[in-house]
Amino acid sequence: MTAAGGRRGGASPEVSLRAEMPGEDETLALYDAVGWSAYTREPDRLRRALSGSHTVLTARVDGRLVGLARTVSDGETVCYVQDVLVHPDRHRQGVGTRLVTDLLDRYRHCRAFVLTTDADGGPEAVSAARFYRALGLRPHAEHGLVGYWRG
C-alpha cells in the first residue's frame, strides 16, 4: 500500500528521516490524512502492526510527522515495503522519494526488495506507478514474477 508523492521542481523541504516508532496520535493523524481509515479504525491493531515491522522510518519537518514508511523483512534476503505515506500537504516535495531511497539503501544487500500498491487504474495509481518507476522499481511481471493475494 502506498500514498506517496513524487517530486515537484524547487528545493526540498528540510526533512529529517529517522528509524523510530512515532507517537500514536501523530501516526493516526497521518494515516487519516491519506485516507487510510482501515488502519485508523483499529488503533491497537495499527500499533501492533508497526511494532511488528522490521523498520519504521519517519520523515519530519520541524518535528511534525509528514511521512512514514515501514518494512516487513528477514533483514537478509527479502524486504517487503508495507506502507509508504506522505501527508497530502507535502506531496511532490521529495518526502516520498527520500523515504523510499533510504529504504532501498538500507536493504541494498537483500536479494529482493518488494513493494505492492493498489492498481485501480485511477490517477493516483498512475502517479504512483510513475513515482516508483522513477526510483528504479519495476512491476512484478517485468521480473517474471506473479503475485498472489488473499484479501
Protein backbone atom coordinates (compact mmCIF):
# COMPACT_ATOMS: atom_id res chain seq x y z
CA MET A 1 0.00 0.00 0.00
CA THR A 2 1.30 3.41 -0.80
CA ALA A 3 0.30 7.03 -0.57
CA ALA A 4 3.48 8.71 -1.70
CA GLY A 5 4.00 11.69 -3.92
CA GLY A 6 6.67 12.36 -6.48
CA ARG A 7 8.86 15.43 -6.60
CA ARG A 8 8.00 18.85 -8.00
CA GLY A 9 10.69 21.30 -9.02
CA GLY A 10 12.29 23.52 -6.43
CA ALA A 11 14.06 22.96 -3.16
CA SER A 12 13.23 20.02 -0.92
CA PRO A 13 11.81 20.84 2.49
CA GLU A 14 14.13 20.33 5.44
CA VAL A 15 13.14 16.74 6.06
CA SER A 16 14.76 14.62 8.72
CA LEU A 17 14.50 10.84 8.45
CA ARG A 18 14.80 8.55 11.43
CA ALA A 19 14.10 4.92 12.21
CA GLU A 20 11.72 5.34 15.13
CA MET A 21 8.31 4.45 16.46
CA PRO A 22 6.16 7.58 16.15
CA GLY A 23 3.58 8.54 18.74
CA GLU A 24 0.11 7.05 18.41
CA ASP A 25 -1.76 10.34 17.92
CA GLU A 26 0.57 11.60 15.19
CA THR A 27 0.53 8.21 13.49
CA LEU A 28 -3.26 8.11 13.42
CA ALA A 29 -3.36 11.69 12.13
CA LEU A 30 -1.01 10.80 9.24
CA TYR A 31 -2.91 7.64 8.27
CA ASP A 32 -6.17 9.63 8.46
CA ALA A 33 -4.71 12.43 6.32
CA VAL A 34 -4.02 9.99 3.47
CA GLY A 35 -7.43 8.36 3.84
CA TRP A 36 -6.31 5.00 5.19
CA SER A 37 -9.23 4.63 7.57
CA ALA A 38 -8.99 0.83 7.53
CA TYR A 39 -5.87 1.31 9.65
CA THR A 40 -7.22 4.04 11.91
CA ARG A 41 -10.49 2.28 12.75
CA GLU A 42 -8.45 -0.14 14.85
CA PRO A 43 -5.66 1.86 16.52
CA ASP A 44 -4.48 -1.07 18.65
CA ARG A 45 -4.08 -3.21 15.56
CA LEU A 46 -2.11 -0.45 13.81
CA ARG A 47 0.14 -0.10 16.85
CA ARG A 48 0.82 -3.87 16.84
CA ALA A 49 1.48 -3.80 13.09
CA LEU A 50 4.00 -1.00 13.48
CA SER A 51 5.63 -2.76 16.44
CA GLY A 52 5.98 -5.94 14.36
CA SER A 53 7.65 -4.12 11.48
CA HIS A 54 11.33 -4.67 10.70
CA THR A 55 11.87 -0.94 10.12
CA VAL A 56 9.62 2.05 10.74
CA LEU A 57 11.10 5.12 9.07
CA THR A 58 9.67 8.55 9.79
CA ALA A 59 10.01 11.82 7.90
CA ARG A 60 9.65 15.00 9.91
CA VAL A 61 9.67 18.69 9.10
CA ASP A 62 10.19 20.93 12.13
CA GLY A 63 9.34 17.95 14.35
CA ARG A 64 5.99 17.30 12.61
CA LEU A 65 5.41 13.80 11.22
CA VAL A 66 4.92 14.25 7.46
CA GLY A 67 5.79 10.79 6.20
CA LEU A 68 6.24 7.19 7.23
CA ALA A 69 7.44 4.02 5.58
CA ARG A 70 7.62 0.58 7.10
CA THR A 71 9.00 -2.79 6.09
CA VAL A 72 8.45 -6.44 6.87
CA SER A 73 11.68 -8.32 6.34
CA ASP A 74 14.01 -11.09 7.43
CA GLY A 75 16.75 -8.47 7.14
CA GLU A 76 18.90 -10.59 4.84
CA THR A 77 17.18 -11.91 1.73
CA VAL A 78 13.90 -10.08 1.25
CA CYS A 79 12.35 -6.77 2.18
CA TYR A 80 8.64 -6.09 1.74
CA VAL A 81 7.69 -2.45 1.86
CA GLN A 82 4.34 -2.48 3.60
CA ASP A 83 3.42 1.21 3.81
CA VAL A 84 4.66 4.46 2.33
CA LEU A 85 2.65 7.51 3.40
CA VAL A 86 3.25 11.19 2.80
CA HIS A 87 0.96 13.85 4.20
CA PRO A 88 -1.00 15.44 1.33
CA ASP A 89 0.38 18.90 2.06
CA ARG A 90 3.89 17.50 1.48
CA HIS A 91 3.23 15.60 -1.76
CA ARG A 92 5.59 16.31 -4.65
CA GLN A 93 8.23 17.81 -2.36
CA GLY A 94 10.65 14.88 -2.25
CA VAL A 95 9.45 13.32 1.02
CA GLY A 96 8.32 10.04 -0.58
CA THR A 97 11.50 9.91 -2.63
CA ARG A 98 13.62 10.32 0.49
CA LEU A 99 11.70 7.59 2.34
CA VAL A 100 11.91 5.03 -0.47
CA THR A 101 15.53 5.75 -1.41
CA ASP A 102 16.54 5.42 2.24
CA LEU A 103 14.83 2.01 2.36
CA LEU A 104 16.46 0.97 -0.93
CA ASP A 105 19.83 1.82 0.61
CA ARG A 106 19.11 0.09 3.95
CA TYR A 107 18.08 -3.11 2.17
CA ARG A 108 20.52 -2.99 -0.78
CA HIS A 109 22.07 -6.28 0.41
CA CYS A 110 18.73 -8.13 0.16
CA ARG A 111 18.05 -10.31 -2.87
CA ALA A 112 14.52 -8.92 -3.23
CA PHE A 113 13.01 -5.53 -2.49
CA VAL A 114 9.25 -5.84 -2.98
CA LEU A 115 6.58 -3.18 -2.90
CA THR A 116 2.94 -3.79 -3.79
CA THR A 117 0.48 -1.00 -4.33
CA ASP A 118 -3.13 -0.53 -5.36
CA ALA A 119 -3.77 -0.78 -9.10
CA ASP A 120 -7.24 0.64 -9.54
CA GLY A 121 -6.18 2.47 -12.69
CA GLY A 122 -7.19 5.86 -11.34
CA PRO A 123 -4.98 8.95 -11.39
CA GLU A 124 -3.38 8.12 -8.03
CA ALA A 125 -2.37 4.64 -9.25
CA VAL A 126 -0.88 6.10 -12.44
CA SER A 127 1.04 8.71 -10.42
CA ALA A 128 2.31 6.02 -8.02
CA ALA A 129 3.46 3.86 -10.94
CA ARG A 130 5.45 6.78 -12.40
CA PHE A 131 6.88 7.58 -8.97
CA TYR A 132 8.11 4.04 -8.28
CA ARG A 133 9.45 3.58 -11.82
CA ALA A 134 11.43 6.81 -11.43
CA LEU A 135 13.11 5.23 -8.39
CA GLY A 136 14.12 2.16 -10.42
CA LEU A 137 11.35 -0.17 -9.28
CA ARG A 138 9.52 -2.27 -11.86
CA PRO A 139 6.22 -4.17 -11.78
CA HIS A 140 6.42 -7.79 -10.66
CA ALA A 141 5.55 -9.07 -14.15
CA GLU A 142 8.60 -7.33 -15.65
CA HIS A 143 10.73 -9.53 -13.38
CA GLY A 144 8.90 -12.68 -14.43
CA LEU A 145 7.06 -12.80 -11.12
CA VAL A 146 3.42 -13.42 -10.38
CA GLY A 147 1.87 -12.18 -7.15
CA TYR A 148 -0.95 -13.83 -5.23
CA TRP A 149 -3.27 -12.16 -2.82
CA ARG A 150 -5.84 -13.23 -0.26
CA GLY A 151 -7.83 -10.32 0.97
